[in-house]
Amino acid sequence: MNSSLDLIIIGGGPIGLACGLQAKKAGLSYLIVEKGTLVNSLYNYPSNMTFFSTSERIEIGEVPFVSNNAKPTRPEALEYYRRIAVSNHLHVRLQEEVKQIVPINGQYEVVTSRAHYLTTYIIVATGFYDIPNLLHIPGEELPKVTHYYKEPHFYAMQRVMIVGANNSAVDAALETWRKGADVTMVIKGDSIGKRVKYWVKPDIENRIKEGSIKAYFNSTIEKIREKEVDIRTPEGLVTIPNDYVLAMTGYQPNFEFLRMMGIQLSNDEKLAPNYDPETMQSNMKNIYLAGVVVGGMDTHIWFIENSREHADRIIRHIVEEIKNQKSGQHPH
């Protein structure tokens, strides 16, 4: 067991790093623990992805983010956040997964894949990109099906089916089509998603209109086989030949991990965690939530740009709590 820390931050994404910067500034002893690589979600984004936000809106710790264009790319973001972690000498442990959190005498023992830590406060900034929303259909487990799209060249001259109508689905459809894939989209609703980047939307709509990319609207995939896929359409069942399926159906937070800590989730399909929006403290004393994880299944509500302030809010509250304890006061 290592000596006791003030704070452990679980998750080394942009918001976890923002919390680390604030903790350092406040003079707290802290550690950021990340189960993957630094800014793991961004690392897993498609190689050619461009952010919706402009670079200054995803800055953290008042460090300027300079990008070649107004909207930064994935490589630029990886470089920016890495430089922040390195130049600020943030205490980060990478490739170390938190397995268990055990309350001990008003503190928490954090058990990871590599060590045991004792801490008074915990911030959970684990994002939502680790667990894909499954289709729950026969054939989804086949090797040709993926929920993560990396880059288009692999799909050149292949018959590719893309499930979904939001940014990740549209980007994958356009990029693979431009590399020579035969692309079919299967879309549950009657149109391309409203949240699709405004500069991309006309492109995909025109490709569908001209027939370059085929699209089945108001449709769902019913079954995936080695060389074909069954689609349930308004006109009935359609079977088309297929080599690869990219199920861009979104992702969800690790709810089991939250439950394991004792964090209550709402009883509806949103599974929203219980927290105080003023302080970001969850129903578990001294355990705080930061970033997109606070939205439950509503993963499109919180982004880097509107959850950066969670770091300030949480650290301010922790500093206040510590001050009150030292002076013997107990706030209501």
C-alpha atoms as a PDB file:
ATOM      1  CA  MET A   1       0.000   0.000   0.000  1.00  0.00           C
ATOM      2  CA  ASN A   2       1.403   3.345  -1.033  1.00  0.00           C
ATOM      3  CA  SER A   3       1.168   6.298   1.355  1.00  0.00           C
ATOM      4  CA  SER A   4      -2.128   8.137   1.464  1.00  0.00           C
ATOM      5  CA  LEU A   5      -3.022  10.636  -1.293  1.00  0.00           C
ATOM      6  CA  ASP A   6      -5.546  13.457  -1.217  1.00  0.00           C
ATOM      7  CA  LEU A   7      -7.003  12.483  -4.581  1.00  0.00           C
ATOM      8  CA  ILE A   8      -7.074   9.778  -7.226  1.00  0.00           C
ATOM      9  CA  ILE A   9      -8.439  10.672 -10.659  1.00  0.00           C
ATOM     10  CA  ILE A  10      -9.690   7.667 -12.620  1.00  0.00           C
ATOM     11  CA  GLY A  11      -9.331   8.337 -16.353  1.00  0.00           C
ATOM     12  CA  GLY A  12      -6.540  10.067 -18.263  1.00  0.00           C
ATOM     13  CA  GLY A  13      -8.669  11.762 -20.906  1.00  0.00           C
ATOM     14  CA  PRO A  14      -8.902  15.538 -21.419  1.00  0.00           C
ATOM     15  CA  ILE A  15     -11.186  15.986 -18.383  1.00  0.00           C
ATOM     16  CA  GLY A  16      -9.056  13.742 -16.153  1.00  0.00           C
ATOM     17  CA  LEU A  17      -6.003  15.796 -17.180  1.00  0.00           C
ATOM     18  CA  ALA A  18      -7.925  19.045 -16.490  1.00  0.00           C
ATOM     19  CA  CYS A  19      -8.690  17.726 -12.981  1.00  0.00           C
ATOM     20  CA  GLY A  20      -4.996  16.866 -12.545  1.00  0.00           C
ATOM     21  CA  LEU A  21      -3.928  20.383 -13.541  1.00  0.00           C
ATOM     22  CA  GLN A  22      -6.359  21.933 -11.045  1.00  0.00           C
ATOM     23  CA  ALA A  23      -5.305  19.514  -8.285  1.00  0.00           C
ATOM     24  CA  LYS A  24      -1.653  20.368  -8.881  1.00  0.00           C
ATOM     25  CA  LYS A  25      -2.428  24.096  -8.824  1.00  0.00           C
ATOM     26  CA  ALA A  26      -4.288  23.658  -5.515  1.00  0.00           C
ATOM     27  CA  GLY A  27      -1.309  21.831  -3.994  1.00  0.00           C
ATOM     28  CA  LEU A  28      -3.143  18.515  -3.525  1.00  0.00           C
ATOM     29  CA  SER A  29      -1.323  15.185  -3.626  1.00  0.00           C
ATOM     30  CA  TYR A  30      -2.967  13.397  -6.548  1.00  0.00           C
ATOM     31  CA  LEU A  31      -2.533  10.604  -9.094  1.00  0.00           C
ATOM     32  CA  ILE A  32      -4.239  10.080 -12.462  1.00  0.00           C
ATOM     33  CA  VAL A  33      -4.802   6.383 -13.227  1.00  0.00           C
ATOM     34  CA  GLU A  34      -5.681   5.412 -16.816  1.00  0.00           C
ATOM     35  CA  LYS A  35      -6.322   1.848 -17.977  1.00  0.00           C
ATOM     36  CA  GLY A  36      -5.198   2.521 -21.544  1.00  0.00           C
ATOM     37  CA  THR A  37      -3.001   5.060 -23.247  1.00  0.00           C
ATOM     38  CA  LEU A  38      -3.041   8.804 -22.534  1.00  0.00           C
ATOM     39  CA  VAL A  39      -6.348  10.295 -23.788  1.00  0.00           C
ATOM     40  CA  ASN A  40      -7.357   6.737 -24.684  1.00  0.00           C
ATOM     41  CA  SER A  41     -10.726   7.622 -26.277  1.00  0.00           C
ATOM     42  CA  LEU A  42      -9.148  10.161 -28.629  1.00  0.00           C
ATOM     43  CA  TYR A  43      -6.484   7.605 -29.514  1.00  0.00           C
ATOM     44  CA  ASN A  44      -9.272   5.220 -30.592  1.00  0.00           C
ATOM     45  CA  TYR A  45     -11.025   7.828 -32.742  1.00  0.00           C
ATOM     46  CA  PRO A  46     -10.786   7.396 -36.539  1.00  0.00           C
ATOM     47  CA  SER A  47      -7.318   8.392 -37.817  1.00  0.00           C
ATOM     48  CA  ASN A  48      -8.601  11.224 -40.042  1.00  0.00           C
ATOM     49  CA  MET A  49     -11.165  12.633 -37.625  1.00  0.00           C
ATOM     50  CA  THR A  50     -11.689  16.398 -37.365  1.00  0.00           C
ATOM     51  CA  PHE A  51     -13.288  17.737 -34.167  1.00  0.00           C
ATOM     52  CA  PHE A  52     -16.639  19.495 -34.195  1.00  0.00           C
ATOM     53  CA  SER A  53     -15.301  22.078 -31.720  1.00  0.00           C
ATOM     54  CA  THR A  54     -12.741  24.741 -32.539  1.00  0.00           C
ATOM     55  CA  SER A  55      -9.358  24.268 -30.862  1.00  0.00           C
ATOM     56  CA  GLU A  56      -9.775  26.985 -28.202  1.00  0.00           C
ATOM     57  CA  ARG A  57     -12.966  25.302 -26.980  1.00  0.00           C
ATOM     58  CA  ILE A  58     -11.172  22.075 -26.075  1.00  0.00           C
ATOM     59  CA  GLU A  59      -8.230  23.750 -24.341  1.00  0.00           C
ATOM     60  CA  ILE A  60      -7.613  22.805 -20.721  1.00  0.00           C
ATOM     61  CA  GLY A  61      -5.707  24.506 -17.910  1.00  0.00           C
ATOM     62  CA  GLU A  62      -5.585  27.810 -19.841  1.00  0.00           C
ATOM     63  CA  VAL A  63      -2.925  26.341 -22.152  1.00  0.00           C
ATOM     64  CA  PRO A  64      -3.487  27.570 -25.743  1.00  0.00           C
ATOM     65  CA  PHE A  65      -4.271  24.867 -28.312  1.00  0.00           C
ATOM     66  CA  VAL A  66      -2.838  25.979 -31.655  1.00  0.00           C
ATOM     67  CA  SER A  67      -4.029  23.951 -34.654  1.00  0.00           C
ATOM     68  CA  ASN A  68      -3.453  24.393 -38.397  1.00  0.00           C
ATOM     69  CA  ASN A  69      -7.153  25.011 -39.013  1.00  0.00           C
ATOM     70  CA  ALA A  70      -9.958  26.301 -36.778  1.00  0.00           C
ATOM     71  CA  LYS A  71     -11.097  22.731 -36.100  1.00  0.00           C
ATOM     72  CA  PRO A  72      -8.284  20.490 -34.883  1.00  0.00           C
ATOM     73  CA  THR A  73      -7.582  16.943 -36.046  1.00  0.00           C
ATOM     74  CA  ARG A  74      -7.066  13.819 -33.951  1.00  0.00           C
ATOM     75  CA  PRO A  75      -3.225  13.876 -34.299  1.00  0.00           C
ATOM     76  CA  GLU A  76      -3.169  17.551 -33.224  1.00  0.00           C
ATOM     77  CA  ALA A  77      -5.317  16.774 -30.165  1.00  0.00           C
ATOM     78  CA  LEU A  78      -3.151  13.790 -29.181  1.00  0.00           C
ATOM     79  CA  GLU A  79      -0.071  16.011 -29.411  1.00  0.00           C
ATOM     80  CA  TYR A  80      -1.694  18.850 -27.442  1.00  0.00           C
ATOM     81  CA  TYR A  81      -2.857  16.717 -24.505  1.00  0.00           C
ATOM     82  CA  ARG A  82       0.383  14.736 -24.389  1.00  0.00           C
ATOM     83  CA  ARG A  83       2.419  17.948 -24.227  1.00  0.00           C
ATOM     84  CA  ILE A  84       0.199  19.232 -21.432  1.00  0.00           C
ATOM     85  CA  ALA A  85       0.756  16.057 -19.390  1.00  0.00           C
ATOM     86  CA  VAL A  86       4.522  16.055 -19.990  1.00  0.00           C
ATOM     87  CA  SER A  87       5.280  19.779 -19.642  1.00  0.00           C
ATOM     88  CA  ASN A  88       3.220  20.070 -16.454  1.00  0.00           C
ATOM     89  CA  HIS A  89       4.831  16.913 -15.012  1.00  0.00           C
ATOM     90  CA  LEU A  90       1.389  15.518 -14.216  1.00  0.00           C
ATOM     91  CA  HIS A  91       1.436  12.364 -12.085  1.00  0.00           C
ATOM     92  CA  VAL A  92      -0.091   9.833 -14.478  1.00  0.00           C
ATOM     93  CA  ARG A  93      -0.035   6.030 -14.403  1.00  0.00           C
ATOM     94  CA  LEU A  94      -0.944   4.580 -17.804  1.00  0.00           C
ATOM     95  CA  GLN A  95      -1.966   1.020 -18.792  1.00  0.00           C
ATOM     96  CA  GLU A  96      -3.136   0.534 -15.189  1.00  0.00           C
ATOM     97  CA  GLU A  97      -6.744  -0.495 -14.657  1.00  0.00           C
ATOM     98  CA  VAL A  98      -8.745   0.234 -11.500  1.00  0.00           C
ATOM     99  CA  LYS A  99     -10.233  -3.085 -10.378  1.00  0.00           C
ATOM    100  CA  GLN A 100     -11.823  -2.279  -7.030  1.00  0.00           C
ATOM    101  CA  ILE A 101     -12.577   0.553  -4.635  1.00  0.00           C
ATOM    102  CA  VAL A 102     -12.983  -0.282  -0.978  1.00  0.00           C
ATOM    103  CA  PRO A 103     -14.046   2.218   1.739  1.00  0.00           C
ATOM    104  CA  ILE A 104     -11.635   2.103   4.731  1.00  0.00           C
ATOM    105  CA  ASN A 105     -12.047   4.381   7.797  1.00  0.00           C
ATOM    106  CA  GLY A 106     -13.333   7.423   5.907  1.00  0.00           C
ATOM    107  CA  GLN A 107     -10.890   6.872   3.019  1.00  0.00           C
ATOM    108  CA  TYR A 108     -10.836   4.646  -0.046  1.00  0.00           C
ATOM    109  CA  GLU A 109      -8.457   1.885  -1.000  1.00  0.00           C
ATOM    110  CA  VAL A 110      -8.073   1.899  -4.784  1.00  0.00           C
ATOM    111  CA  VAL A 111      -6.933  -1.486  -6.086  1.00  0.00           C
ATOM    112  CA  THR A 112      -5.488  -1.429  -9.618  1.00  0.00           C
ATOM    113  CA  SER A 113      -3.911  -4.026 -11.903  1.00  0.00           C
ATOM    114  CA  ARG A 114      -0.514  -2.884 -10.589  1.00  0.00           C
ATOM    115  CA  ALA A 115      -0.821  -1.423  -7.095  1.00  0.00           C
ATOM    116  CA  HIS A 116      -2.950  -0.470  -4.069  1.00  0.00           C
ATOM    117  CA  TYR A 117      -3.476   3.204  -3.191  1.00  0.00           C
ATOM    118  CA  LEU A 118      -5.103   4.917  -0.238  1.00  0.00           C
ATOM    119  CA  THR A 119      -6.935   8.174  -0.983  1.00  0.00           C
ATOM    120  CA  THR A 120      -9.470  10.498   0.625  1.00  0.00           C
ATOM    121  CA  TYR A 121     -11.100  11.772  -2.583  1.00  0.00           C
ATOM    122  CA  ILE A 122     -11.811  10.163  -5.959  1.00  0.00           C
ATOM    123  CA  ILE A 123     -12.779  11.743  -9.276  1.00  0.00           C
ATOM    124  CA  VAL A 124     -14.308   9.409 -11.868  1.00  0.00           C
ATOM    125  CA  ALA A 125     -13.598  10.784 -15.354  1.00  0.00           C
ATOM    126  CA  THR A 126     -13.901   7.544 -17.308  1.00  0.00           C
ATOM    127  CA  GLY A 127     -15.758   8.787 -20.400  1.00  0.00           C
ATOM    128  CA  PHE A 128     -17.961   6.492 -22.454  1.00  0.00           C
ATOM    129  CA  TYR A 129     -15.973   5.091 -25.365  1.00  0.00           C
ATOM    130  CA  ASP A 130     -15.129   1.621 -24.045  1.00  0.00           C
ATOM    131  CA  ILE A 131     -18.394  -0.247 -24.384  1.00  0.00           C
ATOM    132  CA  PRO A 132     -20.209  -0.177 -27.750  1.00  0.00           C
ATOM    133  CA  ASN A 133     -23.997  -0.255 -27.927  1.00  0.00           C
ATOM    134  CA  LEU A 134     -24.614  -3.711 -29.386  1.00  0.00           C
ATOM    135  CA  LEU A 135     -27.148  -4.569 -32.086  1.00  0.00           C
ATOM    136  CA  HIS A 136     -28.060  -7.867 -30.345  1.00  0.00           C
ATOM    137  CA  ILE A 137     -28.570  -9.756 -33.592  1.00  0.00           C
ATOM    138  CA  PRO A 138     -27.307 -13.101 -34.915  1.00  0.00           C
ATOM    139  CA  GLY A 139     -23.866 -12.793 -36.534  1.00  0.00           C
ATOM    140  CA  GLU A 140     -22.770  -9.703 -34.597  1.00  0.00           C
ATOM    141  CA  GLU A 141     -19.912 -11.737 -33.118  1.00  0.00           C
ATOM    142  CA  LEU A 142     -18.397 -12.509 -36.562  1.00  0.00           C
ATOM    143  CA  PRO A 143     -14.855 -11.145 -37.147  1.00  0.00           C
ATOM    144  CA  LYS A 144     -16.113  -9.025 -40.073  1.00  0.00           C
ATOM    145  CA  VAL A 145     -18.239  -6.906 -37.684  1.00  0.00           C
ATOM    146  CA  THR A 146     -16.654  -3.993 -35.806  1.00  0.00           C
ATOM    147  CA  HIS A 147     -17.939  -1.169 -33.578  1.00  0.00           C
ATOM    148  CA  TYR A 148     -14.750   0.866 -34.033  1.00  0.00           C
ATOM    149  CA  TYR A 149     -13.680   2.413 -37.328  1.00  0.00           C
ATOM    150  CA  LYS A 150     -10.030   3.420 -37.657  1.00  0.00           C
ATOM    151  CA  GLU A 151      -9.162   4.276 -41.251  1.00  0.00           C
ATOM    152  CA  PRO A 152     -10.542   3.673 -44.747  1.00  0.00           C
ATOM    153  CA  HIS A 153      -7.829   1.984 -46.845  1.00  0.00           C
ATOM    154  CA  PHE A 154      -8.529  -1.439 -45.309  1.00  0.00           C
ATOM    155  CA  TYR A 155     -12.029  -1.371 -46.878  1.00  0.00           C
ATOM    156  CA  ALA A 156     -10.938  -0.495 -50.432  1.00  0.00           C
ATOM    157  CA  MET A 157     -12.856  -2.533 -53.056  1.00  0.00           C
ATOM    158  CA  GLN A 158     -14.920  -4.267 -50.338  1.00  0.00           C
ATOM    159  CA  ARG A 159     -18.690  -4.345 -49.830  1.00  0.00           C
ATOM    160  CA  VAL A 160     -19.157  -2.381 -46.628  1.00  0.00           C
ATOM    161  CA  MET A 161     -22.334  -1.929 -44.619  1.00  0.00           C
ATOM    162  CA  ILE A 162     -22.496   0.944 -42.161  1.00  0.00           C
ATOM    163  CA  VAL A 163     -25.115   0.988 -39.412  1.00  0.00           C
ATOM    164  CA  GLY A 164     -26.044   4.405 -38.006  1.00  0.00           C
ATOM    165  CA  ALA A 165     -26.670   7.976 -39.178  1.00  0.00           C
ATOM    166  CA  ASN A 166     -24.571  10.181 -36.903  1.00  0.00           C
ATOM    167  CA  ASN A 167     -21.036  11.566 -37.209  1.00  0.00           C
ATOM    168  CA  SER A 168     -19.061   8.338 -36.878  1.00  0.00           C
ATOM    169  CA  ALA A 169     -21.300   6.502 -39.364  1.00  0.00           C
ATOM    170  CA  VAL A 170     -21.258   9.350 -41.886  1.00  0.00           C
ATOM    171  CA  ASP A 171     -17.472   9.815 -41.665  1.00  0.00           C
ATOM    172  CA  ALA A 172     -16.922   6.083 -42.161  1.00  0.00           C
ATOM    173  CA  ALA A 173     -19.349   5.976 -45.108  1.00  0.00           C
ATOM    174  CA  LEU A 174     -17.757   8.906 -46.950  1.00  0.00           C
ATOM    175  CA  GLU A 175     -14.155   7.913 -46.263  1.00  0.00           C
ATOM    176  CA  THR A 176     -14.526   4.240 -47.242  1.00  0.00           C
ATOM    177  CA  TRP A 177     -16.540   5.187 -50.354  1.00  0.00           C
ATOM    178  CA  ARG A 178     -13.773   7.602 -51.413  1.00  0.00           C
ATOM    179  CA  LYS A 179     -11.274   4.745 -51.094  1.00  0.00           C
ATOM    180  CA  GLY A 180     -13.318   2.625 -53.484  1.00  0.00           C
ATOM    181  CA  ALA A 181     -15.581   0.642 -51.137  1.00  0.00           C
ATOM    182  CA  ASP A 182     -19.106  -0.296 -52.210  1.00  0.00           C
ATOM    183  CA  VAL A 183     -20.997   1.355 -49.321  1.00  0.00           C
ATOM    184  CA  THR A 184     -24.510   0.694 -48.018  1.00  0.00           C
ATOM    185  CA  MET A 185     -25.924   2.527 -45.000  1.00  0.00           C
ATOM    186  CA  VAL A 186     -28.669   1.108 -42.792  1.00  0.00           C
ATOM    187  CA  ILE A 187     -30.446   3.864 -40.875  1.00  0.00           C
ATOM    188  CA  LYS A 188     -33.128   3.360 -38.224  1.00  0.00           C
ATOM    189  CA  GLY A 189     -34.742   6.785 -38.776  1.00  0.00           C
ATOM    190  CA  ASP A 190     -35.907   8.555 -41.934  1.00  0.00           C
ATOM    191  CA  SER A 191     -32.911  10.873 -42.395  1.00  0.00           C
ATOM    192  CA  ILE A 192     -29.239  11.537 -41.653  1.00  0.00           C
ATOM    193  CA  GLY A 193     -28.741  12.517 -37.984  1.00  0.00           C
ATOM    194  CA  LYS A 194     -29.335  16.126 -36.960  1.00  0.00           C
ATOM    195  CA  ARG A 195     -26.036  16.222 -35.048  1.00  0.00           C
ATOM    196  CA  VAL A 196     -23.899  15.456 -38.110  1.00  0.00           C
ATOM    197  CA  LYS A 197     -21.184  18.106 -38.660  1.00  0.00           C
ATOM    198  CA  TYR A 198     -22.739  20.876 -40.754  1.00  0.00           C
ATOM    199  CA  TRP A 199     -19.934  20.842 -43.329  1.00  0.00           C
ATOM    200  CA  VAL A 200     -20.290  17.071 -43.859  1.00  0.00           C
ATOM    201  CA  LYS A 201     -24.104  16.743 -43.967  1.00  0.00           C
ATOM    202  CA  PRO A 202     -24.609  18.052 -47.549  1.00  0.00           C
ATOM    203  CA  ASP A 203     -21.811  15.748 -48.765  1.00  0.00           C
ATOM    204  CA  ILE A 204     -23.423  12.544 -47.458  1.00  0.00           C
ATOM    205  CA  GLU A 205     -26.935  13.623 -48.501  1.00  0.00           C
ATOM    206  CA  ASN A 206     -25.764  14.330 -52.053  1.00  0.00           C
ATOM    207  CA  ARG A 207     -23.872  11.012 -52.281  1.00  0.00           C
ATOM    208  CA  ILE A 208     -27.042   9.174 -51.223  1.00  0.00           C
ATOM    209  CA  LYS A 209     -29.216  11.214 -53.601  1.00  0.00           C
ATOM    210  CA  GLU A 210     -26.978  10.453 -56.590  1.00  0.00           C
ATOM    211  CA  GLY A 211     -26.818   6.754 -55.620  1.00  0.00           C
ATOM    212  CA  SER A 212     -23.056   6.608 -55.016  1.00  0.00           C
ATOM    213  CA  ILE A 213     -23.776   5.471 -51.461  1.00  0.00           C
ATOM    214  CA  LYS A 214     -26.864   3.323 -51.024  1.00  0.00           C
ATOM    215  CA  ALA A 215     -29.030   3.967 -47.959  1.00  0.00           C
ATOM    216  CA  TYR A 216     -31.932   2.047 -46.443  1.00  0.00           C
ATOM    217  CA  PHE A 217     -33.936   4.403 -44.205  1.00  0.00           C
ATOM    218  CA  ASN A 218     -36.409   3.282 -41.510  1.00  0.00           C
ATOM    219  CA  SER A 219     -34.531  -0.014 -41.578  1.00  0.00           C
ATOM    220  CA  THR A 220     -32.579  -2.314 -39.274  1.00  0.00           C
ATOM    221  CA  ILE A 221     -30.170  -5.202 -39.732  1.00  0.00           C
ATOM    222  CA  GLU A 222     -31.778  -8.518 -38.878  1.00  0.00           C
ATOM    223  CA  LYS A 223     -28.989 -11.055 -39.429  1.00  0.00           C
ATOM    224  CA  ILE A 224     -25.313 -11.029 -40.441  1.00  0.00           C
ATOM    225  CA  ARG A 225     -23.753 -13.968 -42.245  1.00  0.00           C
ATOM    226  CA  GLU A 226     -20.248 -14.573 -43.603  1.00  0.00           C
ATOM    227  CA  LYS A 227     -20.996 -13.184 -47.081  1.00  0.00           C
ATOM    228  CA  GLU A 228     -24.364 -11.411 -46.763  1.00  0.00           C
ATOM    229  CA  VAL A 229     -26.642  -9.400 -44.496  1.00  0.00           C
ATOM    230  CA  ASP A 230     -30.435  -9.388 -44.043  1.00  0.00           C
ATOM    231  CA  ILE A 231     -32.024  -5.942 -43.709  1.00  0.00           C
ATOM    232  CA  ARG A 232     -35.554  -5.360 -42.436  1.00  0.00           C
ATOM    233  CA  THR A 233     -36.902  -2.493 -44.585  1.00  0.00           C
ATOM    234  CA  PRO A 234     -40.391  -0.910 -44.935  1.00  0.00           C
ATOM    235  CA  GLU A 235     -40.694  -2.935 -48.172  1.00  0.00           C
ATOM    236  CA  GLY A 236     -39.840  -6.208 -46.425  1.00  0.00           C
ATOM    237  CA  LEU A 237     -36.693  -8.278 -45.964  1.00  0.00           C
ATOM    238  CA  VAL A 238     -33.755  -7.491 -48.277  1.00  0.00           C
ATOM    239  CA  THR A 239     -30.602  -9.616 -48.443  1.00  0.00           C
ATOM    240  CA  ILE A 240     -27.440  -8.048 -49.866  1.00  0.00           C
ATOM    241  CA  PRO A 241     -23.900  -9.388 -50.374  1.00  0.00           C
ATOM    242  CA  ASN A 242     -21.421  -8.034 -47.833  1.00  0.00           C
ATOM    243  CA  ASP A 243     -17.773  -8.270 -46.721  1.00  0.00           C
ATOM    244  CA  TYR A 244     -17.687  -5.991 -43.642  1.00  0.00           C
ATOM    245  CA  VAL A 245     -20.156  -4.421 -41.214  1.00  0.00           C
ATOM    246  CA  LEU A 246     -19.251  -1.216 -39.336  1.00  0.00           C
ATOM    247  CA  ALA A 247     -21.811  -0.850 -36.542  1.00  0.00           C
ATOM    248  CA  MET A 248     -21.477   2.834 -35.632  1.00  0.00           C
ATOM    249  CA  THR A 249     -24.222   2.655 -33.031  1.00  0.00           C
ATOM    250  CA  GLY A 250     -22.566   4.698 -30.287  1.00  0.00           C
ATOM    251  CA  TYR A 251     -21.010   3.809 -26.961  1.00  0.00           C
ATOM    252  CA  GLN A 252     -21.878   3.870 -23.266  1.00  0.00           C
ATOM    253  CA  PRO A 253     -20.154   4.464 -19.933  1.00  0.00           C
ATOM    254  CA  ASN A 254     -19.061   1.489 -17.839  1.00  0.00           C
ATOM    255  CA  PHE A 255     -22.145   1.342 -15.628  1.00  0.00           C
ATOM    256  CA  GLU A 256     -20.932  -1.779 -13.807  1.00  0.00           C
ATOM    257  CA  PHE A 257     -17.853   0.144 -12.690  1.00  0.00           C
ATOM    258  CA  LEU A 258     -20.042   2.969 -11.305  1.00  0.00           C
ATOM    259  CA  ARG A 259     -22.308   0.478  -9.515  1.00  0.00           C
ATOM    260  CA  MET A 260     -19.273  -1.279  -8.057  1.00  0.00           C
ATOM    261  CA  MET A 261     -18.357   2.011  -6.348  1.00  0.00           C
ATOM    262  CA  GLY A 262     -21.871   2.375  -4.938  1.00  0.00           C
ATOM    263  CA  ILE A 263     -22.948   5.162  -7.302  1.00  0.00           C
ATOM    264  CA  GLN A 264     -26.711   5.122  -7.827  1.00  0.00           C
ATOM    265  CA  LEU A 265     -28.090   5.184 -11.385  1.00  0.00           C
ATOM    266  CA  SER A 266     -31.543   6.384 -12.434  1.00  0.00           C
ATOM    267  CA  ASN A 267     -34.246   3.737 -12.937  1.00  0.00           C
ATOM    268  CA  ASP A 268     -34.968   4.706 -16.554  1.00  0.00           C
ATOM    269  CA  GLU A 269     -33.147   3.888 -19.786  1.00  0.00           C
ATOM    270  CA  LYS A 270     -30.830   6.904 -19.295  1.00  0.00           C
ATOM    271  CA  LEU A 271     -29.075   5.290 -16.299  1.00  0.00           C
ATOM    272  CA  ALA A 272     -28.014   8.773 -15.185  1.00  0.00           C
ATOM    273  CA  PRO A 273     -25.694   8.685 -12.155  1.00  0.00           C
ATOM    274  CA  ASN A 274     -26.721  10.467  -8.960  1.00  0.00           C
ATOM    275  CA  TYR A 275     -24.617  13.616  -8.395  1.00  0.00           C
ATOM    276  CA  ASP A 276     -24.862  17.209  -7.180  1.00  0.00           C
ATOM    277  CA  PRO A 277     -24.457  19.542 -10.213  1.00  0.00           C
ATOM    278  CA  GLU A 278     -23.023  22.280  -7.942  1.00  0.00           C
ATOM    279  CA  THR A 279     -20.112  20.212  -6.610  1.00  0.00           C
ATOM    280  CA  MET A 280     -20.185  17.143  -8.938  1.00  0.00           C
ATOM    281  CA  GLN A 281     -20.107  14.924  -5.816  1.00  0.00           C
ATOM    282  CA  SER A 282     -21.959  11.633  -6.286  1.00  0.00           C
ATOM    283  CA  ASN A 283     -24.185   9.964  -3.702  1.00  0.00           C
ATOM    284  CA  MET A 284     -20.959   8.360  -2.392  1.00  0.00           C
ATOM    285  CA  LYS A 285     -19.170  10.784  -0.064  1.00  0.00           C
ATOM    286  CA  ASN A 286     -15.934  12.178  -1.543  1.00  0.00           C
ATOM    287  CA  ILE A 287     -16.445  10.440  -4.909  1.00  0.00           C
ATOM    288  CA  TYR A 288     -16.961  12.970  -7.723  1.00  0.00           C
ATOM    289  CA  LEU A 289     -17.968  12.593 -11.367  1.00  0.00           C
ATOM    290  CA  ALA A 290     -16.447  14.632 -14.206  1.00  0.00           C
ATOM    291  CA  GLY A 291     -16.976  14.781 -17.957  1.00  0.00           C
ATOM    292  CA  VAL A 292     -19.311  12.803 -20.173  1.00  0.00           C
ATOM    293  CA  VAL A 293     -19.791   9.999 -17.603  1.00  0.00           C
ATOM    294  CA  VAL A 294     -22.272  12.262 -15.736  1.00  0.00           C
ATOM    295  CA  GLY A 295     -24.764  11.980 -18.599  1.00  0.00           C
ATOM    296  CA  GLY A 296     -25.370   8.234 -18.401  1.00  0.00           C
ATOM    297  CA  MET A 297     -26.681   7.016 -21.767  1.00  0.00           C
ATOM    298  CA  ASP A 298     -27.117  10.643 -22.915  1.00  0.00           C
ATOM    299  CA  THR A 299     -23.538  10.671 -24.175  1.00  0.00           C
ATOM    300  CA  HIS A 300     -24.111  13.506 -26.656  1.00  0.00           C
ATOM    301  CA  ILE A 301     -24.940  16.117 -23.987  1.00  0.00           C
ATOM    302  CA  TRP A 302     -21.448  16.513 -22.517  1.00  0.00           C
ATOM    303  CA  PHE A 303     -18.296  17.258 -24.509  1.00  0.00           C
ATOM    304  CA  ILE A 304     -14.806  18.435 -23.620  1.00  0.00           C
ATOM    305  CA  GLU A 305     -15.877  22.040 -24.156  1.00  0.00           C
ATOM    306  CA  ASN A 306     -18.813  22.066 -21.727  1.00  0.00           C
ATOM    307  CA  SER A 307     -17.374  19.720 -19.083  1.00  0.00           C
ATOM    308  CA  ARG A 308     -13.919  21.315 -18.685  1.00  0.00           C
ATOM    309  CA  GLU A 309     -15.422  23.396 -15.879  1.00  0.00           C
ATOM    310  CA  HIS A 310     -16.198  20.242 -13.865  1.00  0.00           C
ATOM    311  CA  ALA A 311     -12.503  20.200 -12.891  1.00  0.00           C
ATOM    312  CA  ASP A 312     -12.684  23.702 -11.321  1.00  0.00           C
ATOM    313  CA  ARG A 313     -15.929  22.917  -9.550  1.00  0.00           C
ATOM    314  CA  ILE A 314     -14.676  19.664  -8.023  1.00  0.00           C
ATOM    315  CA  ILE A 315     -11.239  20.859  -6.918  1.00  0.00           C
ATOM    316  CA  ARG A 316     -12.748  24.016  -5.417  1.00  0.00           C
ATOM    317  CA  HIS A 317     -15.122  21.845  -3.369  1.00  0.00           C
ATOM    318  CA  ILE A 318     -12.354  19.435  -2.253  1.00  0.00           C
ATOM    319  CA  VAL A 319     -10.114  22.337  -1.176  1.00  0.00           C
ATOM    320  CA  GLU A 320     -13.049  23.809   0.788  1.00  0.00           C
ATOM    321  CA  GLU A 321     -13.742  20.456   2.459  1.00  0.00           C
ATOM    322  CA  ILE A 322     -10.092  20.058   3.479  1.00  0.00           C
ATOM    323  CA  LYS A 323     -10.027  23.621   4.841  1.00  0.00           C
ATOM    324  CA  ASN A 324     -13.205  23.000   6.861  1.00  0.00           C
ATOM    325  CA  GLN A 325     -11.831  19.764   8.285  1.00  0.00           C
ATOM    326  CA  LYS A 326      -8.612  21.466   9.348  1.00  0.00           C
ATOM    327  CA  SER A 327     -10.527  24.240  11.098  1.00  0.00           C
ATOM    328  CA  GLY A 328     -12.846  21.681  12.693  1.00  0.00           C
ATOM    329  CA  GLN A 329     -15.957  22.942  10.915  1.00  0.00           C
ATOM    330  CA  HIS A 330     -18.479  20.556   9.411  1.00  0.00           C
ATOM    331  CA  PRO A 331     -20.411  22.130   6.515  1.00  0.00           C
ATOM    332  CA  HIS A 332     -24.039  21.168   6.078  1.00  0.00           C
END
